[in-house]
Amino acid sequence: MARETEPAQAPAADPAPSAPQAAPQPAAPAANTAPTAAHTLVGILELGDRSAALFEIDGVARRIYVGESIGASGWTLAEIKNQEAVIRKGGDVRSVFVGQKF
């Protein structure tokens, strides 16, 4: 009797190794749209009605009079008293002394 032979089956090839999946990277923190440069109070000029403060803005000392905005920071020089500058932004009020940054 003739023996029926089944065709030899080739061994199943291992599927091609897939490229390793990169772990998802955490999202970078959103960039703050406000300028990040700190302003530094470098001097006070107590001159009565003409009082002013010297602020370093972008590396340049600028004279800011009471009532004026301090660069593009959104802060306004509200008052000069007792060798301190009182600054205001909205409802927030701060006292800044020579050498301090805000």
N, C-alpha and C. Protein backbone atom coordinates (compact mmCIF):
# COMPACT_ATOMS: atom_id res chain seq x y z
N MET A 1 0.84 -1.13 0.00
CA MET A 1 0.00 0.00 0.00
C MET A 1 0.90 1.21 0.00
N ALA A 2 0.46 2.17 -0.73
CA ALA A 2 1.27 3.37 -0.85
C ALA A 2 0.96 4.29 0.33
N ARG A 3 2.00 4.76 0.82
CA ARG A 3 1.83 5.61 1.98
C ARG A 3 1.72 7.06 1.54
N GLU A 4 0.70 7.67 2.00
CA GLU A 4 0.52 9.07 1.65
C GLU A 4 1.36 9.90 2.60
N THR A 5 2.10 10.73 1.99
CA THR A 5 2.93 11.60 2.84
C THR A 5 2.39 13.02 2.77
N GLU A 6 2.40 13.58 3.85
CA GLU A 6 1.98 14.97 3.88
C GLU A 6 3.19 15.83 3.59
N PRO A 7 2.96 16.91 2.89
CA PRO A 7 4.11 17.77 2.61
C PRO A 7 4.69 18.28 3.93
N ALA A 8 5.98 18.35 3.97
CA ALA A 8 6.65 18.82 5.18
C ALA A 8 6.34 20.31 5.38
N GLN A 9 6.00 20.60 6.58
CA GLN A 9 5.70 22.00 6.87
C GLN A 9 6.96 22.66 7.42
N ALA A 10 7.20 23.83 6.89
CA ALA A 10 8.36 24.59 7.39
C ALA A 10 8.00 25.10 8.79
N PRO A 11 9.01 25.13 9.65
CA PRO A 11 8.69 25.65 10.99
C PRO A 11 8.22 27.10 10.87
N ALA A 12 7.26 27.42 11.70
CA ALA A 12 6.71 28.78 11.67
C ALA A 12 7.80 29.76 12.06
N ALA A 13 7.95 30.76 11.24
CA ALA A 13 8.97 31.78 11.52
C ALA A 13 8.47 32.67 12.64
N ASP A 14 9.39 33.03 13.53
CA ASP A 14 9.02 33.98 14.58
C ASP A 14 8.68 35.31 13.93
N PRO A 15 7.66 35.93 14.41
CA PRO A 15 7.35 37.24 13.84
C PRO A 15 8.54 38.17 14.05
N ALA A 16 8.73 39.06 13.09
CA ALA A 16 9.86 40.00 13.19
C ALA A 16 9.75 40.77 14.49
N PRO A 17 10.85 40.87 15.20
CA PRO A 17 10.76 41.61 16.46
C PRO A 17 10.40 43.07 16.17
N SER A 18 9.44 43.55 16.91
CA SER A 18 9.03 44.93 16.70
C SER A 18 9.99 45.86 17.41
N ALA A 19 10.06 47.05 16.90
CA ALA A 19 10.94 48.04 17.53
C ALA A 19 10.41 48.30 18.94
N PRO A 20 11.33 48.46 19.89
CA PRO A 20 10.86 48.72 21.26
C PRO A 20 10.05 50.01 21.29
N GLN A 21 8.97 49.95 22.01
CA GLN A 21 8.11 51.12 22.13
C GLN A 21 8.75 52.10 23.12
N ALA A 22 8.85 53.33 22.68
CA ALA A 22 9.40 54.36 23.57
C ALA A 22 8.36 54.67 24.63
N ALA A 23 8.85 54.79 25.84
CA ALA A 23 7.93 55.13 26.93
C ALA A 23 7.41 56.54 26.69
N PRO A 24 6.14 56.75 26.94
CA PRO A 24 5.62 58.10 26.72
C PRO A 24 6.35 59.11 27.60
N GLN A 25 6.73 60.20 27.00
CA GLN A 25 7.44 61.25 27.73
C GLN A 25 6.42 62.15 28.41
N PRO A 26 6.71 62.55 29.65
CA PRO A 26 5.78 63.47 30.30
C PRO A 26 5.76 64.79 29.54
N ALA A 27 4.61 65.38 29.50
CA ALA A 27 4.46 66.65 28.78
C ALA A 27 5.27 67.72 29.49
N ALA A 28 5.92 68.55 28.70
CA ALA A 28 6.67 69.66 29.27
C ALA A 28 5.69 70.65 29.88
N PRO A 29 6.07 71.30 30.98
CA PRO A 29 5.16 72.28 31.56
C PRO A 29 4.87 73.38 30.55
N ALA A 30 3.66 73.86 30.59
CA ALA A 30 3.27 74.92 29.66
C ALA A 30 4.08 76.17 29.95
N ALA A 31 4.52 76.81 28.90
CA ALA A 31 5.31 78.02 29.07
C ALA A 31 4.41 79.13 29.61
N ASN A 32 4.95 79.84 30.57
CA ASN A 32 4.22 80.96 31.13
C ASN A 32 4.25 82.10 30.14
N THR A 33 3.12 82.70 29.85
CA THR A 33 3.08 83.76 28.86
C THR A 33 3.59 85.08 29.43
N ALA A 34 3.63 85.18 30.74
CA ALA A 34 4.14 86.41 31.33
C ALA A 34 5.66 86.39 31.28
N PRO A 35 6.24 87.57 31.18
CA PRO A 35 7.69 87.61 31.17
C PRO A 35 8.24 87.06 32.47
N THR A 36 9.35 86.35 32.38
CA THR A 36 9.93 85.76 33.56
C THR A 36 11.08 86.56 34.12
N ALA A 37 11.45 87.61 33.45
CA ALA A 37 12.56 88.42 33.91
C ALA A 37 12.19 89.10 35.22
N ALA A 38 13.06 88.96 36.19
CA ALA A 38 12.82 89.61 37.48
C ALA A 38 13.29 91.05 37.40
N HIS A 39 12.55 91.91 38.03
CA HIS A 39 12.93 93.31 38.12
C HIS A 39 13.54 93.52 39.51
N THR A 40 14.59 94.32 39.57
CA THR A 40 15.29 94.56 40.83
C THR A 40 15.23 96.04 41.17
N LEU A 41 14.87 96.34 42.40
CA LEU A 41 14.91 97.72 42.87
C LEU A 41 16.36 98.05 43.20
N VAL A 42 16.92 99.03 42.50
CA VAL A 42 18.33 99.37 42.72
C VAL A 42 18.52 100.71 43.42
N GLY A 43 17.46 101.49 43.55
CA GLY A 43 17.61 102.77 44.24
C GLY A 43 16.28 103.46 44.47
N ILE A 44 16.28 104.38 45.44
CA ILE A 44 15.09 105.16 45.80
C ILE A 44 15.48 106.63 45.74
N LEU A 45 14.62 107.45 45.16
CA LEU A 45 14.80 108.90 45.16
C LEU A 45 13.60 109.51 45.86
N GLU A 46 13.76 109.87 47.12
CA GLU A 46 12.66 110.49 47.86
C GLU A 46 12.74 111.98 47.66
N LEU A 47 11.89 112.47 46.76
CA LEU A 47 11.91 113.89 46.38
C LEU A 47 10.53 114.52 46.49
N GLY A 48 9.76 114.12 47.47
CA GLY A 48 8.42 114.68 47.64
C GLY A 48 7.53 114.30 46.47
N ASP A 49 6.99 115.33 45.77
CA ASP A 49 6.10 115.08 44.65
C ASP A 49 6.80 114.40 43.47
N ARG A 50 8.09 114.51 43.40
CA ARG A 50 8.87 113.94 42.27
C ARG A 50 9.61 112.67 42.69
N SER A 51 9.15 111.98 43.71
CA SER A 51 9.81 110.75 44.16
C SER A 51 9.78 109.71 43.05
N ALA A 52 10.84 108.92 43.01
CA ALA A 52 10.95 107.90 41.97
C ALA A 52 11.76 106.73 42.53
N ALA A 53 11.74 105.65 41.78
CA ALA A 53 12.53 104.48 42.14
C ALA A 53 13.32 104.07 40.91
N LEU A 54 14.49 103.52 41.13
CA LEU A 54 15.30 103.00 40.04
C LEU A 54 15.16 101.48 40.03
N PHE A 55 14.63 100.96 38.94
CA PHE A 55 14.45 99.52 38.77
C PHE A 55 15.34 99.05 37.63
N GLU A 56 15.99 97.93 37.83
CA GLU A 56 16.74 97.31 36.74
C GLU A 56 15.76 96.44 35.95
N ILE A 57 15.58 96.83 34.69
CA ILE A 57 14.65 96.13 33.80
C ILE A 57 15.44 95.72 32.57
N ASP A 58 15.51 94.43 32.30
CA ASP A 58 16.27 93.90 31.16
C ASP A 58 17.72 94.39 31.18
N GLY A 59 18.30 94.44 32.37
CA GLY A 59 19.70 94.82 32.50
C GLY A 59 19.98 96.31 32.46
N VAL A 60 18.94 97.13 32.39
CA VAL A 60 19.10 98.58 32.32
C VAL A 60 18.36 99.23 33.48
N ALA A 61 19.04 100.14 34.20
CA ALA A 61 18.39 100.86 35.29
C ALA A 61 17.48 101.93 34.71
N ARG A 62 16.22 101.92 35.14
CA ARG A 62 15.24 102.89 34.63
C ARG A 62 14.58 103.61 35.81
N ARG A 63 14.38 104.90 35.64
CA ARG A 63 13.72 105.69 36.67
C ARG A 63 12.22 105.60 36.44
N ILE A 64 11.52 105.18 37.48
CA ILE A 64 10.06 105.05 37.42
C ILE A 64 9.48 105.99 38.46
N TYR A 65 8.61 106.90 38.02
CA TYR A 65 7.97 107.83 38.93
C TYR A 65 6.70 107.21 39.51
N VAL A 66 6.27 107.73 40.65
CA VAL A 66 5.04 107.26 41.29
C VAL A 66 3.89 107.37 40.29
N GLY A 67 3.14 106.27 40.15
CA GLY A 67 2.01 106.22 39.22
C GLY A 67 2.35 105.58 37.90
N GLU A 68 3.63 105.36 37.60
CA GLU A 68 4.04 104.76 36.33
C GLU A 68 4.13 103.24 36.43
N SER A 69 3.98 102.59 35.29
CA SER A 69 4.14 101.13 35.21
C SER A 69 5.62 100.79 35.25
N ILE A 70 5.91 99.64 35.84
CA ILE A 70 7.29 99.17 35.94
C ILE A 70 7.53 98.18 34.82
N GLY A 71 8.07 98.68 33.72
CA GLY A 71 8.31 97.84 32.54
C GLY A 71 7.00 97.21 32.08
N ALA A 72 7.10 95.96 31.63
CA ALA A 72 5.91 95.22 31.17
C ALA A 72 5.45 94.23 32.23
N SER A 73 5.82 94.47 33.49
CA SER A 73 5.51 93.53 34.57
C SER A 73 4.05 93.56 35.00
N GLY A 74 3.36 94.65 34.69
CA GLY A 74 1.99 94.80 35.18
C GLY A 74 1.92 95.49 36.53
N TRP A 75 3.08 95.69 37.18
CA TRP A 75 3.14 96.38 38.47
C TRP A 75 3.25 97.88 38.24
N THR A 76 2.70 98.65 39.17
CA THR A 76 2.77 100.11 39.14
C THR A 76 3.41 100.59 40.43
N LEU A 77 4.26 101.60 40.31
CA LEU A 77 4.85 102.19 41.51
C LEU A 77 3.78 103.05 42.17
N ALA A 78 3.34 102.63 43.35
CA ALA A 78 2.24 103.31 44.03
C ALA A 78 2.72 104.40 44.97
N GLU A 79 3.88 104.17 45.62
CA GLU A 79 4.31 105.12 46.66
C GLU A 79 5.78 104.87 46.99
N ILE A 80 6.45 105.93 47.42
CA ILE A 80 7.81 105.84 47.95
C ILE A 80 7.73 106.35 49.39
N LYS A 81 8.17 105.53 50.34
CA LYS A 81 8.17 105.97 51.74
C LYS A 81 9.20 105.18 52.52
N ASN A 82 9.88 105.84 53.41
CA ASN A 82 10.84 105.20 54.33
C ASN A 82 11.81 104.26 53.60
N GLN A 83 12.37 104.73 52.51
CA GLN A 83 13.35 103.96 51.75
C GLN A 83 12.81 102.62 51.22
N GLU A 84 11.52 102.60 50.92
CA GLU A 84 10.91 101.42 50.29
C GLU A 84 9.98 101.87 49.18
N ALA A 85 9.83 101.01 48.19
CA ALA A 85 8.91 101.28 47.09
C ALA A 85 7.67 100.41 47.31
N VAL A 86 6.53 101.02 47.26
CA VAL A 86 5.27 100.28 47.38
C VAL A 86 4.75 100.10 45.96
N ILE A 87 4.58 98.83 45.56
CA ILE A 87 4.13 98.54 44.20
C ILE A 87 2.77 97.86 44.26
N ARG A 88 2.00 98.01 43.16
CA ARG A 88 0.62 97.50 43.15
C ARG A 88 0.34 96.86 41.80
N LYS A 89 -0.34 95.72 41.86
CA LYS A 89 -0.81 95.04 40.65
C LYS A 89 -2.19 94.48 40.98
N GLY A 90 -3.21 95.09 40.40
CA GLY A 90 -4.57 94.69 40.75
C GLY A 90 -4.80 94.98 42.22
N GLY A 91 -5.22 94.00 42.98
CA GLY A 91 -5.43 94.16 44.41
C GLY A 91 -4.22 93.78 45.25
N ASP A 92 -3.14 93.34 44.60
CA ASP A 92 -1.93 92.91 45.30
C ASP A 92 -1.01 94.10 45.54
N VAL A 93 -0.56 94.30 46.77
CA VAL A 93 0.32 95.41 47.14
C VAL A 93 1.54 94.81 47.82
N ARG A 94 2.72 95.28 47.41
CA ARG A 94 3.97 94.79 48.02
C ARG A 94 4.89 95.96 48.35
N SER A 95 5.70 95.76 49.35
CA SER A 95 6.79 96.69 49.66
C SER A 95 8.08 96.06 49.17
N VAL A 96 8.87 96.83 48.46
CA VAL A 96 10.12 96.33 47.91
C VAL A 96 11.23 97.24 48.43
N PHE A 97 12.32 96.62 48.91
CA PHE A 97 13.46 97.36 49.42
C PHE A 97 14.61 97.24 48.44
N VAL A 98 15.55 98.16 48.50
CA VAL A 98 16.68 98.17 47.58
C VAL A 98 17.38 96.81 47.63
N GLY A 99 17.62 96.27 46.45
CA GLY A 99 18.27 94.96 46.32
C GLY A 99 17.29 93.81 46.10
N GLN A 100 16.01 94.03 46.39
CA GLN A 100 15.02 92.97 46.23
C GLN A 100 14.54 92.87 44.79
N LYS A 101 14.18 91.64 44.40
CA LYS A 101 13.60 91.38 43.09
C LYS A 101 12.12 91.07 43.24
N PHE A 102 11.41 91.32 42.20
CA PHE A 102 9.98 90.93 42.18
C PHE A 102 9.62 90.48 40.80
